[in-house]
N, C-alpha and C. Protein backbone atom coordinates (compact mmCIF):
# COMPACT_ATOMS: atom_id res chain seq x y z
N GLY A 1 13.53 -31.35 2.91
CA GLY A 1 12.59 -30.78 3.84
C GLY A 1 13.20 -29.74 4.73
N TRP A 2 12.53 -29.50 5.85
CA TRP A 2 12.98 -28.49 6.79
C TRP A 2 14.30 -28.87 7.43
N CYS A 3 15.07 -27.88 7.80
CA CYS A 3 16.32 -28.13 8.50
C CYS A 3 16.28 -27.43 9.85
N PRO A 4 16.14 -28.19 10.96
CA PRO A 4 16.19 -27.55 12.27
C PRO A 4 17.64 -27.21 12.61
N LEU A 5 17.85 -26.03 13.20
CA LEU A 5 19.20 -25.63 13.55
C LEU A 5 19.52 -25.93 15.01
N SER A 6 18.85 -26.91 15.59
CA SER A 6 19.22 -27.41 16.91
C SER A 6 18.85 -28.89 16.94
N PRO A 7 19.38 -29.64 17.91
CA PRO A 7 19.20 -31.10 17.89
C PRO A 7 17.74 -31.51 17.94
N THR A 8 17.40 -32.54 17.18
CA THR A 8 16.04 -33.06 17.15
C THR A 8 15.59 -33.48 18.55
N GLY A 9 14.40 -33.03 18.94
CA GLY A 9 13.85 -33.43 20.22
C GLY A 9 14.28 -32.57 21.38
N ALA A 10 15.26 -31.70 21.18
CA ALA A 10 15.71 -30.85 22.27
C ALA A 10 14.64 -29.81 22.58
N GLN A 11 14.51 -29.47 23.88
CA GLN A 11 13.52 -28.46 24.27
C GLN A 11 14.13 -27.07 24.10
N THR A 12 14.33 -26.69 22.86
CA THR A 12 14.92 -25.40 22.56
C THR A 12 14.12 -24.73 21.47
N THR A 13 14.35 -23.44 21.32
CA THR A 13 13.76 -22.71 20.21
C THR A 13 14.52 -23.07 18.95
N GLN A 14 13.79 -23.48 17.92
CA GLN A 14 14.40 -23.90 16.67
C GLN A 14 14.08 -22.91 15.56
N LEU A 15 15.09 -22.65 14.75
CA LEU A 15 14.91 -21.84 13.55
C LEU A 15 15.01 -22.79 12.37
N LEU A 16 13.87 -23.05 11.72
CA LEU A 16 13.81 -23.99 10.61
C LEU A 16 14.05 -23.23 9.30
N VAL A 17 14.85 -23.82 8.44
CA VAL A 17 15.28 -23.15 7.22
C VAL A 17 14.91 -23.99 6.00
N GLU A 18 14.26 -23.37 5.04
CA GLU A 18 13.89 -24.03 3.79
C GLU A 18 14.25 -23.10 2.64
N PRO A 19 14.94 -23.56 1.59
CA PRO A 19 15.42 -24.92 1.36
C PRO A 19 16.63 -25.25 2.23
N PRO A 20 16.86 -26.55 2.46
CA PRO A 20 17.89 -26.99 3.41
C PRO A 20 19.30 -27.04 2.82
N TRP A 21 19.79 -25.91 2.35
CA TRP A 21 21.14 -25.82 1.79
C TRP A 21 21.93 -24.77 2.55
N ARG A 22 23.24 -25.02 2.68
CA ARG A 22 24.14 -24.06 3.30
C ARG A 22 25.27 -23.76 2.34
N PRO A 23 25.68 -22.50 2.21
CA PRO A 23 25.10 -21.35 2.89
C PRO A 23 23.75 -20.95 2.31
N ALA A 24 22.94 -20.28 3.11
CA ALA A 24 21.64 -19.79 2.65
C ALA A 24 21.87 -18.48 1.89
N VAL A 25 21.21 -18.37 0.74
CA VAL A 25 21.37 -17.18 -0.10
C VAL A 25 20.00 -16.64 -0.50
N LEU A 26 19.93 -15.31 -0.65
CA LEU A 26 18.66 -14.65 -0.93
C LEU A 26 17.94 -15.22 -2.14
N TRP A 27 18.69 -15.50 -3.22
CA TRP A 27 18.02 -15.91 -4.44
C TRP A 27 17.44 -17.31 -4.38
N ASP A 28 17.62 -18.00 -3.27
CA ASP A 28 16.96 -19.29 -3.04
C ASP A 28 15.57 -19.11 -2.45
N ARG A 29 15.14 -17.87 -2.22
CA ARG A 29 13.86 -17.59 -1.57
C ARG A 29 13.76 -18.35 -0.25
N VAL A 30 14.65 -18.04 0.66
CA VAL A 30 14.76 -18.72 1.94
C VAL A 30 13.57 -18.39 2.83
N ASN A 31 12.94 -19.43 3.38
CA ASN A 31 11.84 -19.26 4.33
C ASN A 31 12.31 -19.69 5.71
N LEU A 32 12.06 -18.86 6.71
CA LEU A 32 12.42 -19.15 8.10
C LEU A 32 11.16 -19.38 8.92
N THR A 33 11.18 -20.40 9.77
CA THR A 33 10.08 -20.67 10.70
C THR A 33 10.65 -20.85 12.09
N CYS A 34 10.03 -20.18 13.06
CA CYS A 34 10.48 -20.27 14.45
C CYS A 34 9.50 -21.14 15.23
N GLN A 35 10.03 -22.12 15.98
CA GLN A 35 9.16 -22.95 16.80
C GLN A 35 9.85 -23.33 18.09
N TYR A 36 9.02 -23.62 19.10
CA TYR A 36 9.54 -24.07 20.39
C TYR A 36 8.81 -25.34 20.77
N SER A 37 9.57 -26.36 21.11
CA SER A 37 9.00 -27.65 21.52
C SER A 37 8.00 -28.17 20.49
N GLY A 38 8.31 -27.97 19.21
CA GLY A 38 7.50 -28.52 18.13
C GLY A 38 6.30 -27.69 17.75
N THR A 39 6.06 -26.55 18.41
CA THR A 39 4.90 -25.74 18.07
C THR A 39 5.34 -24.30 17.76
N THR A 40 4.52 -23.62 16.98
CA THR A 40 4.80 -22.22 16.66
C THR A 40 3.91 -21.32 17.50
N GLY A 41 4.28 -20.09 17.60
CA GLY A 41 3.48 -19.12 18.33
C GLY A 41 3.90 -17.73 17.89
N ALA A 42 3.40 -16.72 18.59
CA ALA A 42 3.83 -15.36 18.28
C ALA A 42 5.35 -15.31 18.43
N THR A 43 6.00 -14.64 17.49
CA THR A 43 7.45 -14.69 17.40
C THR A 43 8.04 -13.29 17.36
N THR A 44 9.15 -13.13 18.07
CA THR A 44 9.96 -11.92 17.94
C THR A 44 11.18 -12.28 17.10
N TRP A 45 11.37 -11.55 16.03
CA TRP A 45 12.48 -11.79 15.11
C TRP A 45 13.58 -10.77 15.34
N TYR A 46 14.81 -11.22 15.16
CA TYR A 46 15.98 -10.35 15.28
C TYR A 46 16.81 -10.47 14.02
N LYS A 47 17.27 -9.33 13.54
CA LYS A 47 18.15 -9.29 12.37
C LYS A 47 19.41 -8.53 12.77
N ASP A 48 20.55 -9.18 12.58
CA ASP A 48 21.84 -8.56 12.94
C ASP A 48 21.84 -8.06 14.39
N GLY A 49 21.22 -8.86 15.28
CA GLY A 49 21.24 -8.57 16.70
C GLY A 49 20.22 -7.56 17.19
N GLN A 50 19.39 -7.02 16.30
CA GLN A 50 18.40 -6.01 16.68
C GLN A 50 16.98 -6.53 16.43
N ARG A 51 16.04 -6.16 17.33
CA ARG A 51 14.63 -6.50 17.06
C ARG A 51 14.29 -5.99 15.68
N TRP A 52 13.49 -6.81 14.96
CA TRP A 52 13.28 -6.53 13.55
C TRP A 52 11.80 -6.51 13.22
N GLY A 53 11.44 -5.91 12.08
CA GLY A 53 10.06 -5.59 11.76
C GLY A 53 9.09 -6.72 11.52
N GLN A 54 9.56 -7.96 11.34
CA GLN A 54 8.62 -9.05 11.07
C GLN A 54 8.05 -9.59 12.39
N GLU A 55 7.47 -8.73 13.18
CA GLU A 55 6.96 -9.13 14.50
C GLU A 55 5.69 -9.97 14.37
N GLY A 56 5.54 -10.94 15.25
CA GLY A 56 4.27 -11.65 15.37
C GLY A 56 4.23 -12.97 14.62
N GLY A 57 4.50 -12.95 13.31
CA GLY A 57 4.37 -14.17 12.53
C GLY A 57 5.47 -15.17 12.83
N SER A 58 5.14 -16.46 12.78
CA SER A 58 6.13 -17.49 13.09
C SER A 58 6.99 -17.87 11.90
N SER A 59 6.64 -17.39 10.68
CA SER A 59 7.48 -17.68 9.52
C SER A 59 7.39 -16.54 8.51
N PHE A 60 8.42 -16.46 7.68
CA PHE A 60 8.43 -15.45 6.62
C PHE A 60 9.52 -15.81 5.61
N THR A 61 9.42 -15.20 4.44
CA THR A 61 10.43 -15.36 3.40
C THR A 61 11.40 -14.19 3.49
N VAL A 62 12.68 -14.51 3.56
CA VAL A 62 13.72 -13.50 3.73
C VAL A 62 13.87 -12.67 2.46
N THR A 63 13.92 -11.35 2.63
CA THR A 63 14.10 -10.45 1.49
C THR A 63 15.35 -9.58 1.62
N GLU A 64 16.04 -9.67 2.77
CA GLU A 64 17.25 -8.89 3.01
C GLU A 64 18.33 -9.81 3.56
N SER A 65 19.57 -9.61 3.10
CA SER A 65 20.66 -10.38 3.66
C SER A 65 20.88 -9.97 5.12
N GLY A 66 21.40 -10.88 5.91
CA GLY A 66 21.67 -10.59 7.32
C GLY A 66 21.70 -11.86 8.14
N THR A 67 21.88 -11.69 9.44
CA THR A 67 21.91 -12.80 10.38
C THR A 67 20.63 -12.76 11.21
N TYR A 68 19.85 -13.84 11.15
CA TYR A 68 18.53 -13.88 11.76
C TYR A 68 18.49 -14.85 12.94
N THR A 69 17.73 -14.47 13.95
CA THR A 69 17.44 -15.34 15.08
C THR A 69 16.03 -15.03 15.55
N CYS A 70 15.46 -15.87 16.41
CA CYS A 70 14.07 -15.67 16.82
C CYS A 70 13.84 -16.15 18.24
N GLN A 71 12.69 -15.77 18.78
CA GLN A 71 12.23 -16.22 20.09
C GLN A 71 10.71 -16.25 20.05
N THR A 72 10.10 -17.34 20.53
CA THR A 72 8.65 -17.42 20.55
C THR A 72 8.11 -16.92 21.89
N ASP A 73 6.78 -16.77 21.96
CA ASP A 73 6.16 -16.32 23.21
C ASP A 73 5.88 -17.48 24.16
N ARG A 74 6.32 -18.69 23.81
CA ARG A 74 6.07 -19.85 24.67
C ARG A 74 6.89 -19.76 25.95
N PRO A 75 6.31 -20.13 27.10
CA PRO A 75 7.07 -20.12 28.36
C PRO A 75 8.32 -20.99 28.23
N GLY A 76 9.44 -20.47 28.64
CA GLY A 76 10.69 -21.21 28.57
C GLY A 76 11.44 -21.08 27.26
N SER A 77 10.83 -20.41 26.30
CA SER A 77 11.48 -20.26 25.00
C SER A 77 12.65 -19.29 25.11
N GLY A 78 13.82 -19.74 24.66
CA GLY A 78 14.97 -18.86 24.58
C GLY A 78 15.19 -18.44 23.15
N PHE A 79 16.38 -17.95 22.89
CA PHE A 79 16.73 -17.56 21.53
C PHE A 79 17.14 -18.78 20.72
N SER A 80 16.79 -18.77 19.45
CA SER A 80 17.25 -19.82 18.54
C SER A 80 18.71 -19.60 18.20
N LEU A 81 19.32 -20.60 17.60
CA LEU A 81 20.60 -20.38 16.96
C LEU A 81 20.36 -19.43 15.79
N SER A 82 21.40 -18.78 15.33
CA SER A 82 21.23 -17.82 14.24
C SER A 82 21.52 -18.48 12.89
N VAL A 83 20.97 -17.87 11.85
CA VAL A 83 21.27 -18.30 10.49
C VAL A 83 21.62 -17.06 9.68
N ASN A 84 22.69 -17.18 8.89
CA ASN A 84 23.10 -16.09 8.02
C ASN A 84 22.54 -16.32 6.62
N VAL A 85 21.93 -15.28 6.07
CA VAL A 85 21.45 -15.32 4.69
C VAL A 85 22.22 -14.25 3.94
N SER A 86 22.99 -14.67 2.93
CA SER A 86 23.84 -13.72 2.22
C SER A 86 23.25 -13.38 0.86
N ASP A 87 23.82 -12.36 0.25
CA ASP A 87 23.44 -12.02 -1.12
C ASP A 87 24.57 -12.34 -2.08
N ASP A 88 25.43 -13.31 -1.69
CA ASP A 88 26.53 -13.73 -2.56
C ASP A 88 25.99 -14.18 -3.91
N GLN A 89 26.72 -13.86 -4.95
CA GLN A 89 26.28 -14.20 -6.31
C GLN A 89 26.75 -15.58 -6.76
N VAL A 90 27.87 -16.06 -6.21
CA VAL A 90 28.38 -17.39 -6.56
C VAL A 90 28.65 -18.14 -5.26
N VAL A 91 28.03 -19.30 -5.09
CA VAL A 91 28.23 -20.09 -3.87
C VAL A 91 28.33 -21.57 -4.22
N LEU A 92 29.05 -22.30 -3.38
CA LEU A 92 29.05 -23.75 -3.42
C LEU A 92 28.26 -24.20 -2.20
N GLN A 93 27.09 -24.81 -2.45
CA GLN A 93 26.19 -25.18 -1.36
C GLN A 93 26.27 -26.67 -1.06
N VAL A 94 26.10 -26.99 0.22
CA VAL A 94 26.06 -28.38 0.68
C VAL A 94 24.75 -28.60 1.42
N PRO A 95 24.29 -29.87 1.51
CA PRO A 95 23.08 -30.12 2.29
C PRO A 95 23.29 -29.71 3.74
N ALA A 96 22.24 -29.17 4.37
CA ALA A 96 22.36 -28.67 5.74
C ALA A 96 22.41 -29.79 6.76
N ARG A 97 21.98 -30.99 6.40
CA ARG A 97 21.97 -32.10 7.37
C ARG A 97 23.39 -32.51 7.74
N ALA A 98 23.51 -33.22 8.85
CA ALA A 98 24.82 -33.73 9.27
C ALA A 98 25.33 -34.73 8.24
N LEU A 99 26.60 -34.63 7.93
CA LEU A 99 27.21 -35.53 6.95
C LEU A 99 28.24 -36.41 7.63
N LEU A 100 28.29 -37.66 7.20
CA LEU A 100 29.24 -38.62 7.77
C LEU A 100 30.20 -39.08 6.69
N GLU A 101 31.38 -39.49 7.10
CA GLU A 101 32.36 -40.00 6.16
C GLU A 101 31.75 -41.17 5.38
N GLY A 102 31.91 -41.13 4.08
CA GLY A 102 31.38 -42.18 3.22
C GLY A 102 30.02 -41.84 2.62
N ASP A 103 29.35 -40.80 3.13
CA ASP A 103 28.07 -40.38 2.56
C ASP A 103 28.26 -39.90 1.12
N THR A 104 27.26 -40.16 0.29
CA THR A 104 27.22 -39.54 -1.03
C THR A 104 26.57 -38.17 -0.88
N VAL A 105 27.25 -37.15 -1.36
CA VAL A 105 26.80 -35.77 -1.15
C VAL A 105 26.60 -35.08 -2.48
N THR A 106 25.45 -34.41 -2.62
CA THR A 106 25.20 -33.56 -3.78
C THR A 106 25.59 -32.13 -3.42
N LEU A 107 26.42 -31.52 -4.27
CA LEU A 107 26.81 -30.13 -4.09
C LEU A 107 26.12 -29.30 -5.15
N ARG A 108 25.80 -28.06 -4.83
CA ARG A 108 25.23 -27.13 -5.82
C ARG A 108 26.20 -25.96 -5.97
N CYS A 109 26.61 -25.72 -7.20
CA CYS A 109 27.38 -24.52 -7.49
C CYS A 109 26.46 -23.59 -8.25
N ARG A 110 26.15 -22.46 -7.64
CA ARG A 110 25.15 -21.56 -8.21
C ARG A 110 25.80 -20.25 -8.60
N ASP A 111 25.41 -19.73 -9.77
CA ASP A 111 25.88 -18.41 -10.15
C ASP A 111 24.83 -17.69 -10.97
């Protein structure tokens, strides 16, 4: 499912990433959703530190590599943590969730 890039329940702007694998790569058809306090709203998107053209919508599918962050129009909403989406051709991916010693982990090697 979705992977929030900030602690569950925290009153922060969250950048949700689907599919929940790291690193995120373009050919996975990565979808980003911006929300604050569990709700979505009008969103300002930033790519590589600059305001970016996907203004308004709270989610979109990434078509360009780069580092993305967002901010909603909700009062008190700050900037989300950033997520990097690369165009690497070969990657070893791990689940985005927190992992603990002893967990069984599925890795994906994609090329």
